[in-house]
């Protein structure tokens, strides 16, 4: 007897069983064909029953099919003998199919020959992985934050990677540093003792020039040295000498060239331009008046020469001379509010900040700080230095001013070891790590965000001590 179509209601007769029954074969066949025909009429064009007649949610049909496809798995010979963590064997049916219930993570044993997991099944192993990954992210985020870049374990992997790339990798000589915060180190020395010299940087290299030197007990003034230091190789090289040696000059760098301005032994008005790419010097238009122990900065393509002595120490200047590099011409701008010598200056926020030094009639170094607005040609007073200083240095890093305090009014002219940061946005000074060796009459420049302080001298108990050391500060 047919058993697959009982719901069609067809008439069926078995000749072996119903052979003695009387029936009309023509009537039976016609009746059965009518029943079949009525059922066929409900099929779709593809011969399948439409979903709407099956009373199912078609929106989830695809998902159910996918789940159904993944709910069973043909067992291999190995899996047929596989033992679950609880010691029982995986159950399969007569067709070798593993049920979905048998394949849940807690029932699948971890074969961990390398000993990476404490877990015995996939569910516990995955939990270990997630916990371990979270712990690693926390440690990585903490390490990144320790390098000065804020990070947290909630950052994505890509975000943490991006922040790692923000950490400054600093080559200094043969040593490579990951940039921490507020620390000094002294990785190398000058080839010779220099003080009252100038220092500037171009294309990632430092140039230490002219000034005075000491060999044994002999001091030499107005030397013509031009020494180049490459932080990548950690090597010094000798370059074309300065055309006229001088002391107490100043220097700035702009667009790959270094400008040495004023100083003694040069009538105080001389300007020499050094081009490292050709290792050559060119003389430029002279400063309108003689200056030394002055300050110089470059801002918006122009060089500003501020204060200092005249050709003799009898006159202190409050002058403000501006040199246009593009036209090789000078202009006299608004004078500083007070005269100063042995001062320093730096730029931030589009302004020039002048600080330290001495003024006429004052025996003590100055704490007062003035800001020059190049747009309005006017001066204003800002927050004073926390200490008084003279023969000091100032540089700009990340649009902030760093003041390196040196000579003070303490007995014997004992130099400060102080470093202060000025933020023009808040008009505040913040103390930073003291420089390892106190000195004055030194050079200072910035390479890749690091502050290099070179040479100088210091006085203890009336005796001058001269330095060949270089201290490097990582903000």
Protein backbone atom coordinates (compact mmCIF):
# COMPACT_ATOMS: atom_id res chain seq x y z
CA UNK A 1 0.00 0.00 0.00
CA UNK A 2 1.17 3.54 -0.79
CA UNK A 3 1.91 5.45 2.41
CA UNK A 4 3.26 8.84 1.31
CA UNK A 5 0.04 10.51 0.10
CA UNK A 6 -2.68 9.76 2.68
CA UNK A 7 -3.63 13.45 2.97
CA UNK A 8 -4.75 13.50 -0.73
CA UNK A 9 -7.71 11.26 0.19
CA UNK A 10 -7.23 8.98 -2.82
CA UNK A 11 -9.17 5.76 -3.17
CA UNK A 12 -6.83 2.77 -2.99
CA UNK A 13 -7.51 -0.95 -3.52
CA UNK A 14 -5.15 -3.86 -3.08
CA UNK A 15 -6.12 -6.64 -5.54
CA UNK A 16 -4.64 -9.27 -3.27
CA UNK A 17 -6.71 -8.17 -0.30
CA UNK A 18 -9.73 -6.58 -1.98
CA UNK A 19 -9.93 -8.85 -5.00
CA UNK A 20 -13.46 -10.07 -4.16
CA UNK A 21 -14.77 -6.48 -3.72
CA UNK A 22 -16.87 -5.03 -6.45
CA UNK A 23 -15.72 -1.56 -7.60
CA UNK A 24 -15.86 0.65 -10.66
CA UNK A 25 -12.25 1.25 -11.77
CA UNK A 26 -13.22 4.08 -14.14
CA UNK A 27 -15.06 5.98 -11.41
CA UNK A 28 -12.23 5.48 -8.94
CA UNK A 29 -9.54 6.69 -11.35
CA UNK A 30 -11.50 9.76 -12.37
CA UNK A 31 -12.14 10.63 -8.75
CA UNK A 32 -8.47 10.24 -7.84
CA UNK A 33 -7.33 12.38 -10.82
CA UNK A 34 -9.70 15.14 -9.69
CA UNK A 35 -8.20 15.13 -6.21
CA UNK A 36 -4.65 15.21 -7.57
CA UNK A 37 -5.51 17.99 -10.00
CA UNK A 38 -6.96 20.16 -7.23
CA UNK A 39 -3.78 19.80 -5.19
CA UNK A 40 -1.52 20.54 -8.15
CA UNK A 41 -3.44 23.76 -8.73
CA UNK A 42 -2.10 25.09 -5.41
CA UNK A 43 1.56 24.76 -6.45
CA UNK A 44 3.62 27.68 -7.68
CA UNK A 45 5.11 28.01 -11.19
CA UNK A 46 8.28 26.21 -9.98
CA UNK A 47 6.24 23.25 -8.76
CA UNK A 48 6.82 24.11 -5.09
CA UNK A 49 4.28 25.01 -2.44
CA UNK A 50 4.26 28.80 -1.87
CA UNK A 51 5.49 29.89 1.57
CA UNK A 52 2.29 31.80 2.34
CA UNK A 53 0.36 28.46 2.22
CA UNK A 54 2.75 26.95 4.74
CA UNK A 55 1.89 29.61 7.37
CA UNK A 56 5.57 30.58 8.02
CA UNK A 57 7.37 33.89 8.62
CA UNK A 58 9.21 34.43 5.31
CA UNK A 59 11.36 37.19 6.82
CA UNK A 60 13.15 34.62 8.95
CA UNK A 61 13.09 31.80 6.46
CA UNK A 62 16.64 32.38 5.21
CA UNK A 63 17.96 32.62 8.74
CA UNK A 64 16.21 29.40 9.73
CA UNK A 65 17.69 27.66 6.72
CA UNK A 66 21.17 28.87 7.67
CA UNK A 67 20.69 27.69 11.25
CA UNK A 68 19.45 24.38 10.01
CA UNK A 69 22.46 24.02 7.75
CA UNK A 70 24.80 24.67 10.69
CA UNK A 71 22.91 22.62 13.26
CA UNK A 72 24.18 19.30 12.02
CA UNK A 73 27.56 18.03 10.91
CA UNK A 74 28.70 14.84 9.30
CA UNK A 75 31.00 13.12 11.76
CA UNK A 76 34.45 11.91 10.70
CA UNK A 77 35.95 8.70 12.02
CA UNK A 78 38.03 10.76 14.47
CA UNK A 79 35.00 12.67 15.77
CA UNK A 80 32.99 9.49 16.21
CA UNK A 81 35.45 8.52 18.91
CA UNK A 82 35.94 12.01 20.33
CA UNK A 83 35.57 12.33 24.07
CA UNK A 84 33.92 15.37 25.64
CA UNK A 85 35.50 17.17 28.63
CA UNK A 86 33.09 15.38 30.96
CA UNK A 87 34.49 12.01 29.81
CA UNK A 88 31.52 10.97 27.69
CA UNK A 89 31.62 10.26 23.97
CA UNK A 90 30.04 12.53 21.35
CA UNK A 91 26.70 11.05 20.26
CA UNK A 92 25.92 10.61 16.56
CA UNK A 93 22.91 9.08 14.80
CA UNK A 94 22.90 6.13 12.41
CA UNK A 95 23.85 8.45 9.53
CA UNK A 96 26.95 9.73 11.34
CA UNK A 97 25.39 13.16 12.04
CA UNK A 98 26.38 15.08 15.20
CA UNK A 99 23.51 17.00 16.72
CA UNK A 100 23.72 20.77 17.36
CA UNK A 101 23.50 20.14 21.10
CA UNK A 102 26.65 18.00 20.98
CA UNK A 103 28.57 20.76 19.17
CA UNK A 104 28.18 23.61 21.70
CA UNK A 105 31.49 25.18 22.85
CA UNK A 106 31.36 23.67 26.33
CA UNK A 107 31.21 20.16 24.86
CA UNK A 108 34.20 20.54 22.50
CA UNK A 109 37.51 19.60 24.05
CA UNK A 110 40.62 21.80 23.61
CA UNK A 111 43.69 19.90 22.46
CA UNK A 112 46.38 22.28 23.82
CA UNK A 113 49.74 20.56 23.39
CA UNK A 114 51.59 23.91 23.74
CA UNK A 115 49.98 24.59 27.12
CA UNK A 116 48.56 28.01 26.24
CA UNK A 117 45.27 27.49 28.11
CA UNK A 118 44.12 26.34 31.49
CA UNK A 119 40.74 25.58 29.92
CA UNK A 120 39.67 22.09 28.84
CA UNK A 121 36.96 23.15 26.38
CA UNK A 122 36.43 25.79 23.72
CA UNK A 123 33.99 27.86 25.80
CA UNK A 124 36.47 28.29 28.66
CA UNK A 125 39.37 28.83 26.24
CA UNK A 126 37.51 31.65 24.48
CA UNK A 127 36.81 33.22 27.87
CA UNK A 128 40.53 33.08 28.67
CA UNK A 129 41.35 34.70 25.34
CA UNK A 130 38.93 37.59 25.91
CA UNK A 131 40.18 38.17 29.46
CA UNK A 132 43.79 37.97 28.31
CA UNK A 133 43.21 40.38 25.43
CA UNK A 134 41.54 42.85 27.78
CA UNK A 135 44.45 42.60 30.22
CA UNK A 136 46.96 43.16 27.41
CA UNK A 137 45.02 46.21 26.18
CA UNK A 138 45.06 47.66 29.70
CA UNK A 139 48.82 47.18 29.98
CA UNK A 140 49.45 48.64 26.50
CA UNK A 141 47.22 51.64 27.25
CA UNK A 142 49.03 52.23 30.55
CA UNK A 143 52.41 52.09 28.81
CA UNK A 144 51.30 54.52 26.09
CA UNK A 145 49.95 56.93 28.71
CA UNK A 146 53.30 56.70 30.49
CA UNK A 147 54.94 57.97 27.32
CA UNK A 148 52.81 61.10 27.38
CA UNK A 149 49.98 60.02 25.06
CA UNK A 150 46.59 59.54 26.83
CA UNK A 151 45.16 56.06 26.18
CA UNK A 152 42.71 53.60 27.80
CA UNK A 153 41.69 49.97 27.53
CA UNK A 154 38.44 51.08 25.90
CA UNK A 155 40.43 52.21 22.83
CA UNK A 156 40.22 49.93 19.82
CA UNK A 157 43.28 48.06 18.65
CA UNK A 158 43.71 50.50 15.78
CA UNK A 159 43.40 53.49 18.11
CA UNK A 160 46.11 52.06 20.37
CA UNK A 161 48.32 51.44 17.34
CA UNK A 162 47.85 55.03 16.18
CA UNK A 163 48.77 56.31 19.64
CA UNK A 164 51.89 54.15 19.73
CA UNK A 165 52.95 55.85 16.49
CA UNK A 166 52.54 59.23 18.21
CA UNK A 167 55.21 58.36 20.78
CA UNK A 168 58.36 60.21 19.87
CA UNK A 169 61.16 57.85 18.87
CA UNK A 170 64.29 59.89 19.37
CA UNK A 171 67.68 58.95 17.90
CA UNK A 172 70.53 60.68 19.75
CA UNK A 173 73.91 59.38 18.73
CA UNK A 174 73.84 55.61 18.85
CA UNK A 175 71.10 55.60 21.47
CA UNK A 176 67.39 55.47 20.63
CA UNK A 177 64.95 56.85 23.19
CA UNK A 178 61.21 56.53 23.55
CA UNK A 179 60.08 59.97 24.55
CA UNK A 180 59.08 60.22 28.23
CA UNK A 181 58.17 63.48 29.88
CA UNK A 182 60.29 66.17 31.53
CA UNK A 183 63.69 64.52 31.64
CA UNK A 184 67.30 65.50 30.90
CA UNK A 185 70.16 63.32 29.72
CA UNK A 186 73.73 63.99 28.59
CA UNK A 187 74.59 61.62 25.72
CA UNK A 188 77.68 63.34 24.28
CA UNK A 189 80.08 66.28 24.57
CA UNK A 190 81.38 69.06 22.35
CA UNK A 191 84.63 68.42 20.46
CA UNK A 192 86.06 71.36 22.43
CA UNK A 193 85.11 73.72 25.22
CA UNK A 194 83.03 76.63 23.92
CA UNK A 195 81.22 79.51 25.63
CA UNK A 196 79.72 82.81 24.50
CA UNK A 197 79.09 80.94 21.23
CA UNK A 198 75.99 80.58 19.05
CA UNK A 199 73.95 77.49 18.33
CA UNK A 200 71.27 76.74 15.70
CA UNK A 201 69.77 73.73 13.93
CA UNK A 202 68.98 73.02 10.28
CA UNK A 203 67.56 69.84 8.72
CA UNK A 204 67.86 67.88 11.96
CA UNK A 205 71.51 68.80 12.56
CA UNK A 206 73.04 71.11 15.17
CA UNK A 207 75.63 73.76 14.38
CA UNK A 208 77.79 75.24 17.15
CA UNK A 209 79.73 78.29 15.98
CA UNK A 210 82.27 80.94 16.95
CA UNK A 211 82.48 82.39 20.49
CA UNK A 212 85.32 81.69 22.94
CA UNK A 213 87.13 78.46 23.71
CA UNK A 214 89.57 77.16 26.26
CA UNK A 215 92.48 74.79 25.76
CA UNK A 216 94.31 73.92 28.95
CA UNK A 217 94.61 77.13 30.90
CA UNK A 218 94.41 79.36 27.81
CA UNK A 219 91.19 81.10 26.75
CA UNK A 220 90.76 82.04 23.09
CA UNK A 221 88.24 84.67 22.06
CA UNK A 222 86.52 85.19 18.71
CA UNK A 223 87.17 81.68 17.40
CA UNK A 224 85.84 80.80 13.93
CA UNK A 225 84.74 77.23 14.65
CA UNK A 226 81.73 75.81 12.81
CA UNK A 227 80.99 72.36 14.27
CA UNK A 228 78.11 70.19 13.01
CA UNK A 229 76.50 67.41 15.05
CA UNK A 230 74.27 64.75 13.49
CA UNK A 231 71.99 63.14 16.14
CA UNK A 232 71.31 60.16 13.88
CA UNK A 233 74.94 59.09 13.51
CA UNK A 234 76.21 60.65 16.73
CA UNK A 235 79.14 62.17 14.86
CA UNK A 236 80.68 65.65 14.70
CA UNK A 237 82.08 67.19 11.56
CA UNK A 238 83.99 70.40 10.86
CA UNK A 239 82.38 72.83 8.42
CA UNK A 240 83.46 76.03 6.69
CA UNK A 241 84.67 78.48 9.37
CA UNK A 242 82.75 81.60 10.29
CA UNK A 243 84.15 84.50 8.15
CA UNK A 244 84.82 86.66 11.21
CA UNK A 245 85.03 85.18 14.69
CA UNK A 246 83.08 86.96 17.36
CA UNK A 247 81.75 86.47 20.90
CA UNK A 248 78.37 87.33 22.43
CA UNK A 249 76.68 87.18 19.02
CA UNK A 250 73.38 85.43 18.32
CA UNK A 251 72.08 83.15 15.56
CA UNK A 252 68.75 82.03 14.08
CA UNK A 253 67.83 79.50 11.41
CA UNK A 254 65.32 79.96 8.61
CA UNK A 255 64.55 77.88 5.51
CA UNK A 256 67.71 75.82 5.66
CA UNK A 257 70.14 78.67 6.41
CA UNK A 258 71.74 80.05 9.58
CA UNK A 259 72.15 83.78 10.22
CA UNK A 260 74.87 84.90 12.66
CA UNK A 261 74.14 88.41 13.88
CA UNK A 262 76.23 91.06 15.67
CA UNK A 263 78.71 90.27 18.40
CA UNK A 264 82.08 91.68 19.37
CA UNK A 265 85.04 91.86 16.97
CA UNK A 266 82.69 92.52 14.04
CA UNK A 267 81.75 96.14 14.67
CA UNK A 268 78.58 94.58 16.04
CA UNK A 269 76.62 95.15 12.85
CA UNK A 270 77.81 92.23 10.74
CA UNK A 271 75.38 89.56 9.48
CA UNK A 272 76.73 86.36 7.93
CA UNK A 273 74.50 83.68 6.36
CA UNK A 274 75.61 80.03 6.30
CA UNK A 275 74.16 77.54 3.81
CA UNK A 276 74.81 73.96 5.02
CA UNK A 277 73.79 72.49 1.67
CA UNK A 278 76.80 74.14 0.00
CA UNK A 279 78.94 74.71 3.11
CA UNK A 280 79.35 78.35 2.15
CA UNK A 281 78.94 81.78 3.78
CA UNK A 282 77.36 84.96 2.40
CA UNK A 283 77.48 88.39 3.99
CA UNK A 284 74.10 90.15 4.33
CA UNK A 285 72.95 93.74 4.94
CA UNK A 286 74.34 95.00 8.29
CA UNK A 287 72.26 95.66 11.38
CA UNK A 288 71.38 99.39 11.68
CA UNK A 289 73.42 99.68 14.89
CA UNK A 290 76.14 97.75 16.66
CA UNK A 291 74.88 95.11 19.15
CA UNK A 292 76.18 92.26 21.27
CA UNK A 293 74.77 90.32 24.24
CA UNK A 294 71.43 90.83 22.48
CA UNK A 295 68.61 88.43 21.58
CA UNK A 296 67.40 87.32 18.15
CA UNK A 297 64.36 85.39 16.92
CA UNK A 298 62.79 84.61 13.56
CA UNK A 299 59.04 84.92 13.00
CA UNK A 300 56.99 84.93 9.79
CA UNK A 301 60.05 85.17 7.55
CA UNK A 302 61.64 88.07 9.42
CA UNK A 303 64.48 88.26 11.94
CA UNK A 304 64.13 90.46 15.02
CA UNK A 305 67.24 91.70 16.87
CA UNK A 306 66.42 92.98 20.35
CA UNK A 307 68.32 94.97 22.97
CA UNK A 308 71.94 94.29 23.94
CA UNK A 309 74.97 96.47 24.35
CA UNK A 310 76.32 98.86 21.75
CA UNK A 311 79.95 98.53 20.63
CA UNK A 312 80.94 99.44 24.18
CA UNK A 313 79.32 98.32 27.42
CA UNK A 314 78.51 101.90 28.32
CA UNK A 315 75.21 101.93 26.43
CA UNK A 316 72.35 99.40 26.80
CA UNK A 317 69.81 99.22 24.04
CA UNK A 318 66.03 98.86 24.02
CA UNK A 319 66.06 98.70 20.22
CA UNK A 320 63.97 96.41 18.02
CA UNK A 321 65.40 95.89 14.54
CA UNK A 322 63.60 93.79 11.93
CA UNK A 323 65.38 92.10 9.02
CA UNK A 324 63.33 91.06 5.97
CA UNK A 325 65.08 87.96 4.65
CA UNK A 326 63.38 88.15 1.24
CA UNK A 327 64.54 91.71 0.54
CA UNK A 328 67.77 91.84 2.60
CA UNK A 329 66.63 95.05 4.28
CA UNK A 330 66.26 96.31 7.87
CA UNK A 331 63.48 98.28 9.56
CA UNK A 332 63.42 99.92 12.99
CA UNK A 333 60.30 99.00 14.99
CA UNK A 334 58.81 100.02 18.35
CA UNK A 335 61.41 99.96 21.10
CA UNK A 336 61.16 97.60 24.04
CA UNK A 337 59.59 99.16 27.17
CA UNK A 338 62.96 98.92 28.97
CA UNK A 339 66.56 98.47 27.85
CA UNK A 340 68.16 95.07 28.39
CA UNK A 341 71.45 93.29 27.84
CA UNK A 342 72.25 89.58 28.27
CA UNK A 343 68.56 88.92 27.64
CA UNK A 344 66.85 86.08 25.79
CA UNK A 345 63.77 85.78 23.61
CA UNK A 346 61.48 83.16 22.05
CA UNK A 347 58.23 83.05 20.07
CA UNK A 348 54.80 81.58 20.79
CA UNK A 349 51.29 82.33 19.57
CA UNK A 350 52.56 84.71 16.90
CA UNK A 351 54.30 86.98 19.44
CA UNK A 352 57.86 87.54 20.65
CA UNK A 353 58.57 87.13 24.38
CA UNK A 354 61.59 88.95 25.84
CA UNK A 355 62.84 88.03 29.30
CA UNK A 356 65.76 88.11 31.69
CA UNK A 357 68.92 90.16 31.44
CA UNK A 358 69.94 93.39 33.13
CA UNK A 359 68.68 96.92 32.67
CA UNK A 360 70.31 100.33 33.14
CA UNK A 361 70.62 101.21 36.81
CA UNK A 362 69.69 97.72 38.01
CA UNK A 363 72.27 95.55 39.74
CA UNK A 364 69.93 92.54 39.87
CA UNK A 365 68.75 90.48 36.89
CA UNK A 366 65.23 91.13 35.64
CA UNK A 367 62.12 89.04 36.17
CA UNK A 368 59.84 91.21 34.07
CA UNK A 369 58.69 89.70 30.74
CA UNK A 370 57.42 91.68 27.74
CA UNK A 371 55.51 90.43 24.71
CA UNK A 372 55.80 92.03 21.29
CA UNK A 373 52.83 91.88 18.89
CA UNK A 374 54.24 91.97 15.36
CA UNK A 375 50.80 92.71 13.89
CA UNK A 376 50.27 95.91 15.91
CA UNK A 377 53.92 96.84 16.58
CA UNK A 378 53.15 97.14 20.30
CA UNK A 379 54.51 95.77 23.57
CA UNK A 380 52.69 94.48 26.66
CA UNK A 381 53.74 93.05 29.99
CA UNK A 382 52.91 89.41 30.83
CA UNK A 383 53.46 87.12 33.83
CA UNK A 384 56.97 87.64 35.28
CA UNK A 385 59.65 84.98 35.46
CA UNK A 386 59.54 82.94 38.68
CA UNK A 387 63.26 83.70 39.10
CA UNK A 388 65.58 86.48 38.04
CA UNK A 389 68.15 85.62 35.43
CA UNK A 390 70.74 86.96 33.02
CA UNK A 391 72.98 85.44 30.33
CA UNK A 392 70.18 82.93 29.99
CA UNK A 393 68.50 81.06 27.10
CA UNK A 394 64.99 80.63 25.74
CA UNK A 395 63.60 78.39 23.00
CA UNK A 396 60.19 77.51 21.58
CA UNK A 397 58.76 73.98 21.50
CA UNK A 398 55.17 73.16 20.49
CA UNK A 399 54.22 76.85 20.61
CA UNK A 400 55.40 77.19 24.20
CA UNK A 401 58.38 79.07 25.63
CA UNK A 402 61.07 77.27 27.63
CA UNK A 403 63.31 79.48 29.75
CA UNK A 404 66.66 78.03 30.85
CA UNK A 405 67.69 80.05 33.92
CA UNK A 406 71.35 80.57 34.53
CA UNK A 407 73.17 83.58 35.96
CA UNK A 408 71.41 85.01 39.03
CA UNK A 409 71.99 87.53 41.79
CA UNK A 410 73.15 84.81 44.18
CA UNK A 411 76.65 85.14 45.68
CA UNK A 412 79.53 84.62 43.26
CA UNK A 413 77.10 84.81 40.36
CA UNK A 414 76.10 81.17 40.99
CA UNK A 415 74.02 80.05 38.02
CA UNK A 416 70.51 78.71 38.32
CA UNK A 417 69.77 75.18 37.15
CA UNK A 418 66.11 76.05 36.59
CA UNK A 419 63.89 75.33 33.61
CA UNK A 420 60.46 76.94 33.28
CA UNK A 421 57.71 76.57 30.70
CA UNK A 422 55.54 79.53 29.72
CA UNK A 423 52.06 78.94 28.27
CA UNK A 424 50.81 82.12 26.63
CA UNK A 425 47.24 80.80 26.55
CA UNK A 426 47.06 80.78 30.35
CA UNK A 427 49.81 83.36 30.97
CA UNK A 428 51.47 81.04 33.47
CA UNK A 429 54.93 79.68 34.20
CA UNK A 430 55.43 76.04 35.22
CA UNK A 431 58.67 74.65 36.73
CA UNK A 432 60.19 71.71 34.89
CA UNK A 433 63.11 69.38 35.59
CA UNK A 434 66.31 71.22 36.54
CA UNK A 435 69.13 71.12 34.03
CA UNK A 436 71.85 68.68 35.25
CA UNK A 437 74.68 71.23 35.10
CA UNK A 438 74.32 74.90 35.91
CA UNK A 439 75.98 77.25 33.46
CA UNK A 440 75.63 80.55 31.62
CA UNK A 441 76.94 81.90 28.29
CA UNK A 442 75.85 78.64 26.67
CA UNK A 443 74.04 77.87 23.42
CA UNK A 444 70.56 76.38 23.02
CA UNK A 445 68.59 75.05 20.09
CA UNK A 446 65.76 72.62 19.26
CA UNK A 447 65.91 69.50 17.07
CA UNK A 448 62.79 67.38 16.55
CA UNK A 449 61.20 68.77 19.71
CA UNK A 450 64.25 68.17 21.92
CA UNK A 451 66.13 71.03 23.57
CA UNK A 452 69.93 70.91 23.26
CA UNK A 453 71.98 73.04 25.68
CA UNK A 454 75.65 73.33 24.71
CA UNK A 455 78.82 74.36 26.52
CA UNK A 456 79.00 77.50 28.62
CA UNK A 457 80.80 78.32 31.84
CA UNK A 458 80.03 78.70 35.54
CA UNK A 459 81.66 80.42 38.50
CA UNK A 460 82.25 78.81 41.91
CA UNK A 461 84.12 80.63 44.66
CA UNK A 462 85.47 83.15 42.19
CA UNK A 463 86.83 80.47 39.84
CA UNK A 464 85.44 80.01 36.33
CA UNK A 465 84.70 76.48 35.15
CA UNK A 466 84.24 75.81 31.45
CA UNK A 467 82.02 73.12 29.99
CA UNK A 468 82.19 70.91 26.93
CA UNK A 469 79.05 68.99 27.90
CA UNK A 470 75.75 68.87 26.00
CA UNK A 471 72.52 68.34 27.93
CA UNK A 472 69.38 67.29 26.11
CA UNK A 473 65.86 67.87 27.44
CA UNK A 474 62.82 65.83 26.40
CA UNK A 475 59.66 67.91 27.10
